[in-house]
PDB file of N, CA and C in Angstrom:
ATOM      1  N   MET A   1      68.613 -42.055  90.187  1.00  0.00           N
ATOM      2  CA  MET A   1      68.587 -41.280  91.745  1.00  0.00           C
ATOM      3  C   MET A   1      69.691 -42.787  92.593  1.00  0.00           C
ATOM      4  N   THR A   2      70.069 -42.363  93.278  1.00  0.00           N
ATOM      5  CA  THR A   2      70.589 -43.180  94.295  1.00  0.00           C
ATOM      6  C   THR A   2      69.378 -43.154  95.443  1.00  0.00           C
ATOM      7  N   CYS A   3      68.982 -43.715  95.832  1.00  0.00           N
ATOM      8  CA  CYS A   3      67.759 -44.228  96.358  1.00  0.00           C
ATOM      9  C   CYS A   3      67.819 -45.140  98.192  1.00  0.00           C
ATOM     10  N   SER A   4      67.776 -44.704  98.853  1.00  0.00           N
ATOM     11  CA  SER A   4      67.202 -45.157 100.157  1.00  0.00           C
ATOM     12  C   SER A   4      66.140 -44.944 101.041  1.00  0.00           C
ATOM     13  N   THR A   5      65.660 -45.695 101.908  1.00  0.00           N
ATOM     14  CA  THR A   5      64.571 -45.145 101.949  1.00  0.00           C
ATOM     15  C   THR A   5      65.141 -44.185 103.932  1.00  0.00           C
ATOM     16  N   ASN A   6      64.382 -43.019 104.349  1.00  0.00           N
ATOM     17  CA  ASN A   6      64.405 -42.715 105.579  1.00  0.00           C
ATOM     18  C   ASN A   6      62.792 -42.263 105.669  1.00  0.00           C
ATOM     19  N   ASN A   7      61.781 -42.612 106.812  1.00  0.00           N
ATOM     20  CA  ASN A   7      61.055 -42.540 107.405  1.00  0.00           C
ATOM     21  C   ASN A   7      59.894 -42.538 106.101  1.00  0.00           C
ATOM     22  N   GLY A   8      60.258 -43.295 105.471  1.00  0.00           N
ATOM     23  CA  GLY A   8      59.036 -43.237 104.418  1.00  0.00           C
ATOM     24  C   GLY A   8      59.444 -42.607 103.072  1.00  0.00           C
ATOM     25  N   LYS A   9      60.952 -40.825 103.091  1.00  0.00           N
ATOM     26  CA  LYS A   9      60.755 -40.180 101.884  1.00  0.00           C
ATOM     27  C   LYS A   9      62.554 -41.160 101.336  1.00  0.00           C
ATOM     28  N   LEU A  10      62.268 -40.999  99.854  1.00  0.00           N
ATOM     29  CA  LEU A  10      62.950 -40.967  99.265  1.00  0.00           C
ATOM     30  C   LEU A  10      64.444 -40.873 100.003  1.00  0.00           C
ATOM     31  N   VAL A  11      65.803 -41.286  99.420  1.00  0.00           N
ATOM     32  CA  VAL A  11      67.496 -40.410 100.115  1.00  0.00           C
ATOM     33  C   VAL A  11      67.863 -40.527  99.002  1.00  0.00           C
ATOM     34  N   GLY A  12      68.488 -39.526  98.547  1.00  0.00           N
ATOM     35  CA  GLY A  12      69.787 -39.232  97.397  1.00  0.00           C
ATOM     36  C   GLY A  12      69.624 -38.674  96.905  1.00  0.00           C
ATOM     37  N   LYS A  13      70.464 -39.379  95.198  1.00  0.00           N
ATOM     38  CA  LYS A  13      71.007 -37.977  94.599  1.00  0.00           C
ATOM     39  C   LYS A  13      70.277 -38.133  92.806  1.00  0.00           C
ATOM     40  N   LEU A  14      69.535 -36.748  92.612  1.00  0.00           N
ATOM     41  CA  LEU A  14      68.607 -37.136  91.228  1.00  0.00           C
ATOM     42  C   LEU A  14      70.253 -37.734  89.836  1.00  0.00           C
ATOM     43  N   LEU A  15      70.618 -38.222  89.431  1.00  0.00           N
ATOM     44  CA  LEU A  15      71.648 -38.836  88.667  1.00  0.00           C
ATOM     45  C   LEU A  15      71.377 -38.761  87.475  1.00  0.00           C
ATOM     46  N   PRO A  16      72.404 -37.725  86.429  1.00  0.00           N
ATOM     47  CA  PRO A  16      71.744 -37.954  84.787  1.00  0.00           C
ATOM     48  C   PRO A  16      71.575 -38.831  84.249  1.00  0.00           C
ATOM     49  N   LEU A  17      71.414 -40.257  84.474  1.00  0.00           N
ATOM     50  CA  LEU A  17      70.797 -41.187  84.083  1.00  0.00           C
ATOM     51  C   LEU A  17      68.859 -41.035  84.111  1.00  0.00           C
ATOM     52  N   ILE A  18      68.684 -40.343  84.821  1.00  0.00           N
ATOM     53  CA  ILE A  18      67.035 -39.385  84.106  1.00  0.00           C
ATOM     54  C   ILE A  18      67.071 -39.276  82.820  1.00  0.00           C
ATOM     55  N   GLY A  19      68.196 -38.225  83.106  1.00  0.00           N
ATOM     56  CA  GLY A  19      68.152 -37.695  81.288  1.00  0.00           C
ATOM     57  C   GLY A  19      68.016 -38.914  80.265  1.00  0.00           C
ATOM     58  N   LYS A  20      67.870 -39.763  80.639  1.00  0.00           N
ATOM     59  CA  LYS A  20      67.786 -41.047  79.245  1.00  0.00           C
ATOM     60  C   LYS A  20      66.691 -41.227  79.377  1.00  0.00           C
ATOM     61  N   LEU A  21      65.517 -40.750  80.089  1.00  0.00           N
ATOM     62  CA  LEU A  21      64.342 -41.070  79.770  1.00  0.00           C
ATOM     63  C   LEU A  21      63.535 -40.403  79.108  1.00  0.00           C
ATOM     64  N   ASN A  22      63.414 -40.527  77.735  1.00  0.00           N
ATOM     65  CA  ASN A  22      62.885 -39.592  76.749  1.00  0.00           C
ATOM     66  C   ASN A  22      62.267 -39.410  76.755  1.00  0.00           C
ATOM     67  N   GLU A  23      61.081 -39.902  76.715  1.00  0.00           N
ATOM     68  CA  GLU A  23      59.822 -39.737  76.854  1.00  0.00           C
ATOM     69  C   GLU A  23      58.871 -39.654  78.122  1.00  0.00           C
ATOM     70  N   LEU A  24      59.839 -39.363  79.096  1.00  0.00           N
ATOM     71  CA  LEU A  24      59.249 -38.533  80.393  1.00  0.00           C
ATOM     72  C   LEU A  24      58.943 -37.379  80.520  1.00  0.00           C
ATOM     73  N   SER A  25      57.417 -37.255  80.532  1.00  0.00           N
ATOM     74  CA  SER A  25      57.001 -36.391  80.569  1.00  0.00           C
ATOM     75  C   SER A  25      56.272 -35.310  82.318  1.00  0.00           C
ATOM     76  N   VAL A  26      56.691 -35.760  82.746  1.00  0.00           N
ATOM     77  CA  VAL A  26      56.417 -35.259  84.795  1.00  0.00           C
ATOM     78  C   VAL A  26      56.955 -36.166  85.394  1.00  0.00           C
ATOM     79  N   LEU A  27      57.821 -35.396  85.953  1.00  0.00           N
ATOM     80  CA  LEU A  27      59.188 -35.679  87.040  1.00  0.00           C
ATOM     81  C   LEU A  27      58.566 -35.063  88.201  1.00  0.00           C
ATOM     82  N   SER A  28      58.073 -36.411  88.973  1.00  0.00           N
ATOM     83  CA  SER A  28      57.146 -35.336  90.739  1.00  0.00           C
ATOM     84  C   SER A  28      57.893 -35.895  91.331  1.00  0.00           C
ATOM     85  N   MET A  29      58.633 -35.971  92.565  1.00  0.00           N
ATOM     86  CA  MET A  29      58.747 -36.108  93.477  1.00  0.00           C
ATOM     87  C   MET A  29      58.968 -35.318  94.359  1.00  0.00           C
ATOM     88  N   PRO A  30      57.587 -34.635  95.058  1.00  0.00           N
ATOM     89  CA  PRO A  30      57.945 -33.850  96.134  1.00  0.00           C
ATOM     90  C   PRO A  30      58.000 -34.247  97.801  1.00  0.00           C
ATOM     91  N   PHE A  31      58.287 -33.385  98.222  1.00  0.00           N
ATOM     92  CA  PHE A  31      58.242 -34.265 100.078  1.00  0.00           C
ATOM     93  C   PHE A  31      59.457 -35.076 100.082  1.00  0.00           C
ATOM     94  N   ASN A  32      60.812 -35.547  99.317  1.00  0.00           N
ATOM     95  CA  ASN A  32      61.613 -36.262  99.769  1.00  0.00           C
ATOM     96  C   ASN A  32      62.673 -36.125 100.316  1.00  0.00           C
ATOM     97  N   ASP A  33      63.300 -36.060  99.840  1.00  0.00           N
ATOM     98  CA  ASP A  33      64.921 -36.050 101.143  1.00  0.00           C
ATOM     99  C   ASP A  33      66.364 -36.022 100.071  1.00  0.00           C
ATOM    100  N   PHE A  34      65.860 -35.957  98.267  1.00  0.00           N
ATOM    101  CA  PHE A  34      67.187 -36.195  97.530  1.00  0.00           C
ATOM    102  C   PHE A  34      67.623 -34.292  97.980  1.00  0.00           C
ATOM    103  N   ASP A  35      68.991 -34.184  97.407  1.00  0.00           N
ATOM    104  CA  ASP A  35      70.537 -32.638  98.153  1.00  0.00           C
ATOM    105  C   ASP A  35      70.797 -33.387  96.902  1.00  0.00           C
ATOM    106  N   GLY A  36      71.547 -32.435  96.886  1.00  0.00           N
ATOM    107  CA  GLY A  36      72.396 -32.201  95.767  1.00  0.00           C
ATOM    108  C   GLY A  36      72.602 -30.939  94.763  1.00  0.00           C
ATOM    109  N   GLU A  37      72.559 -30.965  93.229  1.00  0.00           N
ATOM    110  CA  GLU A  37      72.643 -30.571  92.338  1.00  0.00           C
ATOM    111  C   GLU A  37      71.183 -31.138  91.135  1.00  0.00           C
ATOM    112  N   ILE A  38      70.892 -30.527  90.788  1.00  0.00           N
ATOM    113  CA  ILE A  38      69.920 -31.015  89.486  1.00  0.00           C
ATOM    114  C   ILE A  38      70.715 -30.898  88.158  1.00  0.00           C
ATOM    115  N   PHE A  39      71.808 -32.408  87.933  1.00  0.00           N
ATOM    116  CA  PHE A  39      71.856 -32.432  86.829  1.00  0.00           C
ATOM    117  C   PHE A  39      71.519 -31.765  85.098  1.00  0.00           C
ATOM    118  N   VAL A  40      72.042 -31.582  84.501  1.00  0.00           N
ATOM    119  CA  VAL A  40      71.956 -30.760  83.139  1.00  0.00           C
ATOM    120  C   VAL A  40      70.940 -31.811  82.323  1.00  0.00           C
ATOM    121  N   GLU A  41      71.773 -33.180  82.410  1.00  0.00           N
ATOM    122  CA  GLU A  41      70.820 -34.008  81.612  1.00  0.00           C
ATOM    123  C   GLU A  41      69.350 -33.743  81.034  1.00  0.00           C
ATOM    124  N   ILE A  42      68.875 -33.600  82.966  1.00  0.00           N
ATOM    125  CA  ILE A  42      67.429 -33.546  82.495  1.00  0.00           C
ATOM    126  C   ILE A  42      67.043 -32.881  82.251  1.00  0.00           C
ATOM    127  N   TRP A  43      67.458 -31.582  81.692  1.00  0.00           N
ATOM    128  CA  TRP A  43      67.130 -30.738  81.334  1.00  0.00           C
ATOM    129  C   TRP A  43      67.177 -31.044  79.524  1.00  0.00           C
ATOM    130  N   GLY A  44      67.156 -32.090  79.237  1.00  0.00           N
ATOM    131  CA  GLY A  44      67.795 -33.073  78.304  1.00  0.00           C
ATOM    132  C   GLY A  44      66.034 -33.612  77.440  1.00  0.00           C
ATOM    133  N   LEU A  45      65.788 -33.273  78.315  1.00  0.00           N
ATOM    134  CA  LEU A  45      64.058 -34.424  78.331  1.00  0.00           C
ATOM    135  C   LEU A  45      63.235 -33.198  77.386  1.00  0.00           C
ATOM    136  N   LYS A  46      63.162 -33.314  76.795  1.00  0.00           N
ATOM    137  CA  LYS A  46      61.974 -32.370  75.585  1.00  0.00           C
ATOM    138  C   LYS A  46      60.844 -32.440  76.225  1.00  0.00           C
ATOM    139  N   ASN A  47      60.536 -33.713  76.837  1.00  0.00           N
ATOM    140  CA  ASN A  47      59.042 -34.022  76.543  1.00  0.00           C
ATOM    141  C   ASN A  47      58.374 -33.789  77.762  1.00  0.00           C
ATOM    142  N   LEU A  48      59.419 -33.003  78.259  1.00  0.00           N
ATOM    143  CA  LEU A  48      59.084 -32.677  80.155  1.00  0.00           C
ATOM    144  C   LEU A  48      58.068 -31.924  79.831  1.00  0.00           C
ATOM    145  N   GLN A  49      57.005 -31.951  80.799  1.00  0.00           N
ATOM    146  CA  GLN A  49      55.945 -30.725  81.024  1.00  0.00           C
ATOM    147  C   GLN A  49      56.332 -29.997  82.656  1.00  0.00           C
ATOM    148  N   VAL A  50      56.287 -31.189  83.526  1.00  0.00           N
ATOM    149  CA  VAL A  50      55.921 -31.051  84.720  1.00  0.00           C
ATOM    150  C   VAL A  50      57.660 -31.816  85.577  1.00  0.00           C
ATOM    151  N   PHE A  51      58.558 -30.688  86.551  1.00  0.00           N
ATOM    152  CA  PHE A  51      59.302 -31.289  86.660  1.00  0.00           C
ATOM    153  C   PHE A  51      59.060 -30.480  88.023  1.00  0.00           C
ATOM    154  N   ASP A  52      58.121 -30.929  89.233  1.00  0.00           N
ATOM    155  CA  ASP A  52      58.429 -31.163  90.438  1.00  0.00           C
ATOM    156  C   ASP A  52      58.976 -31.579  91.864  1.00  0.00           C
ATOM    157  N   VAL A  53      59.934 -30.924  92.554  1.00  0.00           N
ATOM    158  CA  VAL A  53      60.832 -31.300  93.010  1.00  0.00           C
ATOM    159  C   VAL A  53      60.587 -29.989  94.981  1.00  0.00           C
ATOM    160  N   GLU A  54      59.475 -30.709  94.899  1.00  0.00           N
ATOM    161  CA  GLU A  54      59.404 -28.789  96.073  1.00  0.00           C
ATOM    162  C   GLU A  54      59.782 -29.846  97.487  1.00  0.00           C
ATOM    163  N   TRP A  55      60.004 -29.043  98.178  1.00  0.00           N
ATOM    164  CA  TRP A  55      60.540 -29.680  99.641  1.00  0.00           C
ATOM    165  C   TRP A  55      61.399 -30.704  99.653  1.00  0.00           C
ATOM    166  N   ASN A  56      62.435 -30.450  98.864  1.00  0.00           N
ATOM    167  CA  ASN A  56      64.012 -31.272  98.792  1.00  0.00           C
ATOM    168  C   ASN A  56      64.592 -31.277  99.244  1.00  0.00           C
ATOM    169  N   SER A  57      66.181 -30.723  99.106  1.00  0.00           N
ATOM    170  CA  SER A  57      67.676 -30.300 100.187  1.00  0.00           C
ATOM    171  C   SER A  57      67.760 -29.885  99.062  1.00  0.00           C
ATOM    172  N   LEU A  58      67.887 -30.312  97.350  1.00  0.00           N
ATOM    173  CA  LEU A  58      68.453 -29.910  96.130  1.00  0.00           C
ATOM    174  C   LEU A  58      68.953 -28.635  96.537  1.00  0.00           C
ATOM    175  N   SER A  59      70.219 -28.440  95.518  1.00  0.00           N
ATOM    176  CA  SER A  59      70.858 -26.989  96.209  1.00  0.00           C
ATOM    177  C   SER A  59      72.026 -26.635  94.931  1.00  0.00           C
ATOM    178  N   GLY A  60      72.850 -25.804  94.786  1.00  0.00           N
ATOM    179  CA  GLY A  60      72.955 -24.775  93.448  1.00  0.00           C
ATOM    180  C   GLY A  60      72.211 -23.494  93.202  1.00  0.00           C
ATOM    181  N   SER A  61      72.806 -23.691  92.038  1.00  0.00           N
ATOM    182  CA  SER A  61      72.407 -22.519  91.616  1.00  0.00           C
ATOM    183  C   SER A  61      70.922 -22.825  90.735  1.00  0.00           C
ATOM    184  N   LEU A  62      70.494 -21.501  90.535  1.00  0.00           N
ATOM    185  CA  LEU A  62      69.195 -21.635  89.733  1.00  0.00           C
ATOM    186  C   LEU A  62      69.153 -22.509  88.216  1.00  0.00           C
ATOM    187  N   PRO A  63      69.259 -23.663  87.796  1.00  0.00           N
ATOM    188  CA  PRO A  63      69.905 -24.185  85.797  1.00  0.00           C
ATOM    189  C   PRO A  63      69.021 -23.169  85.096  1.00  0.00           C
ATOM    190  N   ILE A  64      70.437 -23.045  84.813  1.00  0.00           N
ATOM    191  CA  ILE A  64      69.719 -22.005  83.111  1.00  0.00           C
ATOM    192  C   ILE A  64      69.210 -23.470  82.360  1.00  0.00           C
ATOM    193  N   GLY A  65      69.880 -24.238  81.870  1.00  0.00           N
ATOM    194  CA  GLY A  65      69.007 -25.435  81.320  1.00  0.00           C
ATOM    195  C   GLY A  65      67.862 -25.413  81.063  1.00  0.00           C
ATOM    196  N   VAL A  66      67.585 -25.072  81.794  1.00  0.00           N
ATOM    197  CA  VAL A  66      65.619 -25.221  81.797  1.00  0.00           C
ATOM    198  C   VAL A  66      64.966 -24.539  81.017  1.00  0.00           C
ATOM    199  N   GLY A  67      65.471 -23.500  80.280  1.00  0.00           N
ATOM    200  CA  GLY A  67      64.914 -22.400  79.027  1.00  0.00           C
ATOM    201  C   GLY A  67      65.323 -23.283  77.806  1.00  0.00           C
ATOM    202  N   SER A  68      65.952 -24.810  77.813  1.00  0.00           N
ATOM    203  CA  SER A  68      65.603 -25.458  76.728  1.00  0.00           C
ATOM    204  C   SER A  68      64.028 -26.334  76.639  1.00  0.00           C
ATOM    205  N   LEU A  69      63.506 -26.560  77.754  1.00  0.00           N
ATOM    206  CA  LEU A  69      62.025 -27.558  77.743  1.00  0.00           C
ATOM    207  C   LEU A  69      60.967 -26.298  77.262  1.00  0.00           C
ATOM    208  N   LYS A  70      60.984 -26.089  76.164  1.00  0.00           N
ATOM    209  CA  LYS A  70      59.354 -25.353  75.311  1.00  0.00           C
ATOM    210  C   LYS A  70      58.210 -25.652  75.806  1.00  0.00           C
ATOM    211  N   GLY A  71      58.152 -26.795  76.656  1.00  0.00           N
ATOM    212  CA  GLY A  71      56.540 -27.382  76.680  1.00  0.00           C
ATOM    213  C   GLY A  71      56.707 -27.995  78.216  1.00  0.00           C
ATOM    214  N   LEU A  72      57.505 -27.417  79.346  1.00  0.00           N
ATOM    215  CA  LEU A  72      57.359 -26.767  80.326  1.00  0.00           C
ATOM    216  C   LEU A  72      56.161 -26.278  80.756  1.00  0.00           C
ATOM    217  N   ARG A  73      55.208 -26.763  81.711  1.00  0.00           N
ATOM    218  CA  ARG A  73      53.974 -26.184  81.845  1.00  0.00           C
ATOM    219  C   ARG A  73      54.332 -25.684  83.555  1.00  0.00           C
ATOM    220  N   VAL A  74      54.779 -27.102  84.399  1.00  0.00           N
ATOM    221  CA  VAL A  74      54.777 -26.966  86.008  1.00  0.00           C
ATOM    222  C   VAL A  74      56.728 -26.576  85.748  1.00  0.00           C
ATOM    223  N   LEU A  75      57.054 -25.915  86.889  1.00  0.00           N
ATOM    224  CA  LEU A  75      58.659 -25.952  87.141  1.00  0.00           C
ATOM    225  C   LEU A  75      57.871 -25.406  89.127  1.00  0.00           C
ATOM    226  N   ASN A  76      58.460 -26.241  89.493  1.00  0.00           N
ATOM    227  CA  ASN A  76      58.336 -26.595  90.858  1.00  0.00           C
ATOM    228  C   ASN A  76      59.744 -26.847  92.305  1.00  0.00           C
ATOM    229  N   LEU A  77      60.207 -25.797  92.527  1.00  0.00           N
ATOM    230  CA  LEU A  77      61.472 -25.579  92.761  1.00  0.00           C
ATOM    231  C   LEU A  77      61.180 -25.325  94.206  1.00  0.00           C
ATOM    232  N   GLY A  78      60.066 -25.037  94.512  1.00  0.00           N
ATOM    233  CA  GLY A  78      60.196 -24.794  96.100  1.00  0.00           C
ATOM    234  C   GLY A  78      60.933 -25.182  97.097  1.00  0.00           C
ATOM    235  N   PHE A  79      61.400 -24.364  98.059  1.00  0.00           N
ATOM    236  CA  PHE A  79      62.017 -25.352  99.242  1.00  0.00           C
ATOM    237  C   PHE A  79      62.838 -26.266  99.065  1.00  0.00           C
ATOM    238  N   ASN A  80      64.314 -25.769  98.682  1.00  0.00           N
ATOM    239  CA  ASN A  80      65.108 -26.800  98.734  1.00  0.00           C
ATOM    240  C   ASN A  80      65.659 -25.473  99.029  1.00  0.00           C
ATOM    241  N   ARG A  81      67.337 -25.903  98.623  1.00  0.00           N
ATOM    242  CA  ARG A  81      68.295 -24.375  98.257  1.00  0.00           C
ATOM    243  C   ARG A  81      69.455 -24.019  97.697  1.00  0.00           C
ATOM    244  N   PHE A  82      67.878 -23.310  96.404  1.00  0.00           N
ATOM    245  CA  PHE A  82      69.204 -23.281  95.559  1.00  0.00           C
ATOM    246  C   PHE A  82      68.992 -21.297  95.569  1.00  0.00           C
ATOM    247  N   VAL A  83      70.379 -21.339  94.766  1.00  0.00           N
ATOM    248  CA  VAL A  83      70.569 -19.856  95.474  1.00  0.00           C
ATOM    249  C   VAL A  83      70.954 -19.339  93.850  1.00  0.00           C
ATOM    250  N   GLY A  84      71.158 -17.625  94.173  1.00  0.00           N
ATOM    251  CA  GLY A  84      71.179 -17.108  92.961  1.00  0.00           C
ATOM    252  C   GLY A  84      70.400 -16.684  91.904  1.00  0.00           C
ATOM    253  N   GLU A  85      69.804 -15.513  90.660  1.00  0.00           N
ATOM    254  CA  GLU A  85      69.491 -15.132  90.354  1.00  0.00           C
ATOM    255  C   GLU A  85      68.369 -15.974  89.043  1.00  0.00           C
ATOM    256  N   ILE A  86      67.588 -15.552  89.368  1.00  0.00           N
ATOM    257  CA  ILE A  86      66.428 -16.911  87.705  1.00  0.00           C
ATOM    258  C   ILE A  86      66.658 -16.196  86.580  1.00  0.00           C
ATOM    259  N   PRO A  87      67.104 -17.626  86.241  1.00  0.00           N
ATOM    260  CA  PRO A  87      67.707 -17.494  84.592  1.00  0.00           C
ATOM    261  C   PRO A  87      66.913 -16.653  83.615  1.00  0.00           C
ATOM    262  N   ALA A  88      67.527 -16.115  82.799  1.00  0.00           N
ATOM    263  CA  ALA A  88      66.910 -15.029  81.480  1.00  0.00           C
ATOM    264  C   ALA A  88      66.141 -16.606  80.431  1.00  0.00           C
ATOM    265  N   THR A  89      66.800 -17.414  80.768  1.00  0.00           N
ATOM    266  CA  THR A  89      66.593 -18.639  79.890  1.00  0.00           C
ATOM    267  C   THR A  89      65.178 -19.117  79.648  1.00  0.00           C
ATOM    268  N   LEU A  90      64.812 -19.224  80.829  1.00  0.00           N
ATOM    269  CA  LEU A  90      63.028 -19.350  81.668  1.00  0.00           C
ATOM    270  C   LEU A  90      62.214 -18.348  81.105  1.00  0.00           C
ATOM    271  N   SER A  91      62.686 -17.781  79.964  1.00  0.00           N
ATOM    272  CA  SER A  91      61.705 -16.882  79.186  1.00  0.00           C
ATOM    273  C   SER A  91      61.223 -17.997  77.285  1.00  0.00           C
ATOM    274  N   ASN A  92      62.323 -18.665  77.390  1.00  0.00           N
ATOM    275  CA  ASN A  92      61.678 -19.591  76.422  1.00  0.00           C
ATOM    276  C   ASN A  92      61.081 -20.313  76.749  1.00  0.00           C
ATOM    277  N   CYS A  93      60.719 -21.077  77.962  1.00  0.00           N
ATOM    278  CA  CYS A  93      59.391 -21.683  78.607  1.00  0.00           C
ATOM    279  C   CYS A  93      57.860 -21.259  78.237  1.00  0.00           C
ATOM    280  N   SER A  94      57.638 -21.009  77.275  1.00  0.00           N
ATOM    281  CA  SER A  94      56.648 -19.510  76.886  1.00  0.00           C
ATOM    282  C   SER A  94      55.509 -20.384  77.311  1.00  0.00           C
ATOM    283  N   GLY A  95      54.965 -21.758  77.030  1.00  0.00           N
ATOM    284  CA  GLY A  95      53.835 -22.200  77.873  1.00  0.00           C
ATOM    285  C   GLY A  95      53.573 -22.644  79.807  1.00  0.00           C
ATOM    286  N   LEU A  96      54.643 -22.463  80.480  1.00  0.00           N
ATOM    287  CA  LEU A  96      55.278 -22.108  81.662  1.00  0.00           C
ATOM    288  C   LEU A  96      53.853 -21.560  82.417  1.00  0.00           C
ATOM    289  N   GLU A  97      53.383 -22.026  83.140  1.00  0.00           N
ATOM    290  CA  GLU A  97      51.994 -21.881  84.061  1.00  0.00           C
ATOM    291  C   GLU A  97      52.360 -21.525  85.712  1.00  0.00           C
ATOM    292  N   VAL A  98      52.810 -22.629  85.863  1.00  0.00           N
ATOM    293  CA  VAL A  98      53.432 -22.712  87.292  1.00  0.00           C
ATOM    294  C   VAL A  98      55.124 -22.757  87.749  1.00  0.00           C
ATOM    295  N   LEU A  99      55.079 -21.343  88.588  1.00  0.00           N
ATOM    296  CA  LEU A  99      56.588 -21.213  88.580  1.00  0.00           C
ATOM    297  C   LEU A  99      56.781 -20.619  90.670  1.00  0.00           C
ATOM    298  N   ASN A 100      57.226 -21.989  91.095  1.00  0.00           N
ATOM    299  CA  ASN A 100      57.231 -22.358  92.546  1.00  0.00           C
ATOM    300  C   ASN A 100      58.975 -22.006  92.683  1.00  0.00           C
ATOM    301  N   LEU A 101      59.102 -20.888  92.885  1.00  0.00           N
ATOM    302  CA  LEU A 101      60.707 -20.800  93.302  1.00  0.00           C
ATOM    303  C   LEU A 101      60.852 -20.387  95.122  1.00  0.00           C
ATOM    304  N   ALA A 102      59.709 -20.463  95.688  1.00  0.00           N
ATOM    305  CA  ALA A 102      59.701 -19.893  97.002  1.00  0.00           C
ATOM    306  C   ALA A 102      60.704 -20.911  98.062  1.00  0.00           C
ATOM    307  N   GLY A 103      60.976 -20.054  99.535  1.00  0.00           N
ATOM    308  CA  GLY A 103      61.873 -20.983 100.206  1.00  0.00           C
ATOM    309  C   GLY A 103      62.938 -20.941 100.075  1.00  0.00           C
ATOM    310  N   ASN A 104      63.348 -20.638  98.726  1.00  0.00           N
ATOM    311  CA  ASN A 104      64.959 -20.565  98.741  1.00  0.00           C
ATOM    312  C   ASN A 104      65.923 -19.118  98.294  1.00  0.00           C
ATOM    313  N   GLN A 105      67.392 -19.710  98.275  1.00  0.00           N
ATOM    314  CA  GLN A 105      67.585 -18.100  97.791  1.00  0.00           C
ATOM    315  C   GLN A 105      67.870 -17.518  96.665  1.00  0.00           C
ATOM    316  N   VAL A 106      66.576 -17.580  96.183  1.00  0.00           N
ATOM    317  CA  VAL A 106      66.857 -16.559  94.844  1.00  0.00           C
ATOM    318  C   VAL A 106      66.803 -14.778  95.164  1.00  0.00           C
ATOM    319  N   ASN A 107      67.668 -14.027  94.713  1.00  0.00           N
ATOM    320  CA  ASN A 107      67.940 -13.362  94.616  1.00  0.00           C
ATOM    321  C   ASN A 107      67.813 -12.109  93.675  1.00  0.00           C
ATOM    322  N   GLY A 108      68.209 -11.121  93.019  1.00  0.00           N
ATOM    323  CA  GLY A 108      68.821 -10.422  91.639  1.00  0.00           C
ATOM    324  C   GLY A 108      67.166  -9.646  92.177  1.00  0.00           C
ATOM    325  N   ARG A 109      67.331  -8.760  90.473  1.00  0.00           N
ATOM    326  CA  ARG A 109      66.160  -8.830  89.678  1.00  0.00           C
ATOM    327  C   ARG A 109      65.244  -9.018  89.388  1.00  0.00           C
ATOM    328  N   LEU A 110      63.727  -8.943  89.712  1.00  0.00           N
ATOM    329  CA  LEU A 110      63.015  -9.953  88.963  1.00  0.00           C
ATOM    330  C   LEU A 110      62.562  -9.712  87.703  1.00  0.00           C
ATOM    331  N   PRO A 111      63.563 -10.761  86.527  1.00  0.00           N
ATOM    332  CA  PRO A 111      62.924 -10.565  85.359  1.00  0.00           C
ATOM    333  C   PRO A 111      61.728  -9.784  84.717  1.00  0.00           C
ATOM    334  N   ASP A 112      61.832  -9.581  83.222  1.00  0.00           N
ATOM    335  CA  ASP A 112      60.813  -8.696  83.401  1.00  0.00           C
ATOM    336  C   ASP A 112      59.579  -9.878  82.420  1.00  0.00           C
ATOM    337  N   PHE A 113      59.978 -11.219  82.007  1.00  0.00           N
ATOM    338  CA  PHE A 113      58.839 -12.112  81.720  1.00  0.00           C
ATOM    339  C   PHE A 113      58.239 -12.267  82.427  1.00  0.00           C
ATOM    340  N   VAL A 114      58.815 -12.504  84.388  1.00  0.00           N
ATOM    341  CA  VAL A 114      57.882 -13.631  84.489  1.00  0.00           C
ATOM    342  C   VAL A 114      56.987 -12.240  84.964  1.00  0.00           C
ATOM    343  N   GLY A 115      55.539 -13.463  84.812  1.00  0.00           N
ATOM    344  CA  GLY A 115      54.737 -12.231  84.509  1.00  0.00           C
ATOM    345  C   GLY A 115      54.144 -12.577  83.261  1.00  0.00           C
ATOM    346  N   SER A 116      54.438 -12.583  82.741  1.00  0.00           N
ATOM    347  CA  SER A 116      53.760 -12.987  81.564  1.00  0.00           C
ATOM    348  C   SER A 116      53.496 -14.629  80.665  1.00  0.00           C
ATOM    349  N   PHE A 117      53.392 -14.985  81.987  1.00  0.00           N
ATOM    350  CA  PHE A 117      53.464 -16.236  81.391  1.00  0.00           C
ATOM    351  C   PHE A 117      51.810 -16.497  81.061  1.00  0.00           C
ATOM    352  N   HIS A 118      51.655 -17.926  80.903  1.00  0.00           N
ATOM    353  CA  HIS A 118      49.936 -17.959  80.212  1.00  0.00           C
ATOM    354  C   HIS A 118      49.455 -18.457  82.012  1.00  0.00           C
TER     355      HIS A 118
END
């Protein structure tokens, strides 16, 4: 990520370099001012269990690649600027316990698999 601080908040972009942190299981950076899209390299973090970037300024479509994270338990993308439909690949995250998409511009039909998580 490129970082600077603004009133105690981290500001900048999440960079593909995060995808090289192979053993990372928790990536929690809520209430900052990260912007831009989430790079696909993050979805290669096979040990990731918690991804929490609530209350940032991240944007783009909801990430299709999230379905590759079979061990993901928490996906908190709330209060960003994501748009589009919930990706069907999310159904691959069979251990998902928390899904927060509130405060985004999510649209479309709610997929059948939502609500069948643990």
